[in-house]
Amino acid sequence: MEYQHELVSVIEEYRSFFKTIELVDGDGHLARDDVGHHSKTLLKIETFENEGFQASFSVSGWICQSADNVKIYETFEALGMNISEAFKGKWHGTVFSKLEGLANGQ
């Protein structure tokens, strides 16, 4: 669980970008708070396109697993954009709004 803080940060930042995103143990059960109870903690993600994924963080990057595929991404944003058009649209819209606010002095 050494990377659990990274997973929790992702949930907090991107909760509205997915239909569901939650912390689960390696068996798919909701992760408990007692440190050391579970050997592996994952993100269980359901996109607005109704596709399911599991993601974990490692020194190699973000590992994303679907029913028939495993890929590694350098950033969570790259992972999100590759698995969900809704994530991609919302992420770009959020960045644009922030940049527009900076340009307008807000």
C-alpha atoms as a PDB file:
ATOM      1  CA  MET A   1       0.000   0.000   0.000  1.00  0.00           C
ATOM      2  CA  GLU A   2       2.951   2.309  -0.362  1.00  0.00           C
ATOM      3  CA  TYR A   3       1.260   4.071  -3.308  1.00  0.00           C
ATOM      4  CA  GLN A   4      -2.219   4.266  -1.789  1.00  0.00           C
ATOM      5  CA  HIS A   5      -1.869   8.037  -1.218  1.00  0.00           C
ATOM      6  CA  GLU A   6      -1.402   8.449  -4.992  1.00  0.00           C
ATOM      7  CA  LEU A   7      -4.591   6.482  -5.658  1.00  0.00           C
ATOM      8  CA  VAL A   8      -6.586   8.494  -3.103  1.00  0.00           C
ATOM      9  CA  SER A   9      -5.359  11.763  -4.673  1.00  0.00           C
ATOM     10  CA  VAL A  10      -6.534  10.598  -8.100  1.00  0.00           C
ATOM     11  CA  ILE A  11      -9.985   9.725  -6.728  1.00  0.00           C
ATOM     12  CA  GLU A  12     -10.313  13.154  -5.119  1.00  0.00           C
ATOM     13  CA  GLU A  13      -9.175  15.028  -8.236  1.00  0.00           C
ATOM     14  CA  TYR A  14     -11.008  13.034 -10.907  1.00  0.00           C
ATOM     15  CA  ARG A  15     -14.144  11.714  -9.195  1.00  0.00           C
ATOM     16  CA  SER A  16     -16.473  13.661 -11.531  1.00  0.00           C
ATOM     17  CA  PHE A  17     -14.581  12.541 -14.659  1.00  0.00           C
ATOM     18  CA  PHE A  18     -15.848   8.948 -14.374  1.00  0.00           C
ATOM     19  CA  LYS A  19     -19.146   7.221 -13.693  1.00  0.00           C
ATOM     20  CA  THR A  20     -17.443   5.563 -10.698  1.00  0.00           C
ATOM     21  CA  ILE A  21     -13.909   5.471  -9.374  1.00  0.00           C
ATOM     22  CA  GLU A  22     -13.164   3.720  -6.100  1.00  0.00           C
ATOM     23  CA  LEU A  23     -10.358   2.112  -4.139  1.00  0.00           C
ATOM     24  CA  VAL A  24     -10.545  -1.689  -4.034  1.00  0.00           C
ATOM     25  CA  ASP A  25      -8.268  -4.467  -2.844  1.00  0.00           C
ATOM     26  CA  GLY A  26      -6.761  -7.006  -5.224  1.00  0.00           C
ATOM     27  CA  ASP A  27      -9.897  -9.167  -4.954  1.00  0.00           C
ATOM     28  CA  GLY A  28     -12.183  -6.309  -6.056  1.00  0.00           C
ATOM     29  CA  HIS A  29     -13.613  -5.548  -2.594  1.00  0.00           C
ATOM     30  CA  LEU A  30     -13.739  -1.992  -1.299  1.00  0.00           C
ATOM     31  CA  ALA A  31     -10.405  -1.251   0.334  1.00  0.00           C
ATOM     32  CA  ARG A  32     -10.352  -0.808   4.086  1.00  0.00           C
ATOM     33  CA  ASP A  33      -8.486   1.917   5.933  1.00  0.00           C
ATOM     34  CA  ASP A  34      -6.441  -0.359   8.160  1.00  0.00           C
ATOM     35  CA  VAL A  35      -2.968  -0.174   6.673  1.00  0.00           C
ATOM     36  CA  GLY A  36      -1.377  -3.509   5.947  1.00  0.00           C
ATOM     37  CA  HIS A  37      -4.642  -5.431   5.697  1.00  0.00           C
ATOM     38  CA  HIS A  38      -4.537  -5.699   1.905  1.00  0.00           C
ATOM     39  CA  SER A  39      -1.401  -6.480  -0.044  1.00  0.00           C
ATOM     40  CA  LYS A  40      -2.477  -4.659  -3.226  1.00  0.00           C
ATOM     41  CA  THR A  41      -4.802  -1.708  -3.663  1.00  0.00           C
ATOM     42  CA  LEU A  42      -6.277  -0.745  -7.033  1.00  0.00           C
ATOM     43  CA  LEU A  43      -8.578   1.820  -8.579  1.00  0.00           C
ATOM     44  CA  LYS A  44     -11.762   0.325  -9.980  1.00  0.00           C
ATOM     45  CA  ILE A  45     -12.975   2.637 -12.737  1.00  0.00           C
ATOM     46  CA  GLU A  46     -16.200   2.672 -14.721  1.00  0.00           C
ATOM     47  CA  THR A  47     -16.230   5.218 -17.531  1.00  0.00           C
ATOM     48  CA  PHE A  48     -19.262   7.137 -18.763  1.00  0.00           C
ATOM     49  CA  GLU A  49     -19.003   4.847 -21.802  1.00  0.00           C
ATOM     50  CA  ASN A  50     -19.828   1.956 -19.399  1.00  0.00           C
ATOM     51  CA  GLU A  51     -16.416   0.300 -19.715  1.00  0.00           C
ATOM     52  CA  GLY A  52     -14.658  -1.159 -16.681  1.00  0.00           C
ATOM     53  CA  PHE A  53     -10.960  -0.964 -15.804  1.00  0.00           C
ATOM     54  CA  GLN A  54      -8.607  -1.534 -12.904  1.00  0.00           C
ATOM     55  CA  ALA A  55      -5.623   0.770 -12.460  1.00  0.00           C
ATOM     56  CA  SER A  56      -2.655   0.714 -10.138  1.00  0.00           C
ATOM     57  CA  PHE A  57       0.381   2.922  -9.649  1.00  0.00           C
ATOM     58  CA  SER A  58       3.955   1.607  -9.765  1.00  0.00           C
ATOM     59  CA  VAL A  59       7.471   2.861 -10.391  1.00  0.00           C
ATOM     60  CA  SER A  60       6.855   2.000 -14.066  1.00  0.00           C
ATOM     61  CA  GLY A  61       3.813   4.269 -14.278  1.00  0.00           C
ATOM     62  CA  TRP A  62       0.058   3.742 -14.258  1.00  0.00           C
ATOM     63  CA  ILE A  63      -0.920   0.162 -15.059  1.00  0.00           C
ATOM     64  CA  CYS A  64      -4.385  -0.138 -16.590  1.00  0.00           C
ATOM     65  CA  GLN A  65      -6.105  -3.477 -16.993  1.00  0.00           C
ATOM     66  CA  SER A  66      -9.332  -4.193 -18.858  1.00  0.00           C
ATOM     67  CA  ALA A  67     -10.943  -7.574 -19.435  1.00  0.00           C
ATOM     68  CA  ASP A  68      -8.573  -8.350 -22.320  1.00  0.00           C
ATOM     69  CA  ASN A  69      -5.686  -5.873 -22.180  1.00  0.00           C
ATOM     70  CA  VAL A  70      -2.953  -4.426 -19.950  1.00  0.00           C
ATOM     71  CA  LYS A  71      -1.203  -1.127 -20.748  1.00  0.00           C
ATOM     72  CA  ILE A  72       1.187   1.172 -18.904  1.00  0.00           C
ATOM     73  CA  TYR A  73       0.861   4.970 -19.043  1.00  0.00           C
ATOM     74  CA  GLU A  74       3.280   7.648 -17.813  1.00  0.00           C
ATOM     75  CA  THR A  75       0.518   9.739 -16.224  1.00  0.00           C
ATOM     76  CA  PHE A  76      -3.002   9.166 -14.955  1.00  0.00           C
ATOM     77  CA  GLU A  77      -4.241  11.822 -17.387  1.00  0.00           C
ATOM     78  CA  ALA A  78      -2.828   9.809 -20.320  1.00  0.00           C
ATOM     79  CA  LEU A  79      -4.549   6.701 -18.958  1.00  0.00           C
ATOM     80  CA  GLY A  80      -7.863   8.535 -18.596  1.00  0.00           C
ATOM     81  CA  MET A  81      -7.714  10.023 -22.096  1.00  0.00           C
ATOM     82  CA  ASN A  82      -7.016   6.626 -23.623  1.00  0.00           C
ATOM     83  CA  ILE A  83      -9.872   4.801 -21.907  1.00  0.00           C
ATOM     84  CA  SER A  84     -12.588   7.468 -22.049  1.00  0.00           C
ATOM     85  CA  GLU A  85     -13.667  10.115 -24.552  1.00  0.00           C
ATOM     86  CA  ALA A  86     -15.734  11.715 -21.763  1.00  0.00           C
ATOM     87  CA  PHE A  87     -12.607  12.029 -19.589  1.00  0.00           C
ATOM     88  CA  LYS A  88     -10.686  13.522 -22.508  1.00  0.00           C
ATOM     89  CA  GLY A  89     -13.396  16.113 -23.215  1.00  0.00           C
ATOM     90  CA  LYS A  90     -13.807  17.116 -19.581  1.00  0.00           C
ATOM     91  CA  TRP A  91     -10.032  17.294 -18.973  1.00  0.00           C
ATOM     92  CA  HIS A  92      -9.457  19.518 -22.012  1.00  0.00           C
ATOM     93  CA  GLY A  93     -12.435  21.689 -21.048  1.00  0.00           C
ATOM     94  CA  THR A  94     -11.112  22.114 -17.511  1.00  0.00           C
ATOM     95  CA  VAL A  95      -7.623  23.065 -18.716  1.00  0.00           C
ATOM     96  CA  PHE A  96      -9.083  25.524 -21.240  1.00  0.00           C
ATOM     97  CA  SER A  97     -11.237  27.158 -18.553  1.00  0.00           C
ATOM     98  CA  LYS A  98      -8.243  27.542 -16.235  1.00  0.00           C
ATOM     99  CA  LEU A  99      -6.118  29.049 -18.995  1.00  0.00           C
ATOM    100  CA  GLU A 100      -8.938  31.375 -20.013  1.00  0.00           C
ATOM    101  CA  GLY A 101      -9.256  32.499 -16.383  1.00  0.00           C
ATOM    102  CA  LEU A 102      -5.540  33.260 -16.254  1.00  0.00           C
ATOM    103  CA  ALA A 103      -5.734  35.220 -19.519  1.00  0.00           C
ATOM    104  CA  ASN A 104      -8.624  37.274 -18.142  1.00  0.00           C
ATOM    105  CA  GLY A 105      -6.771  37.939 -14.894  1.00  0.00           C
ATOM    106  CA  GLN A 106      -9.075  35.860 -12.715  1.00  0.00           C
END
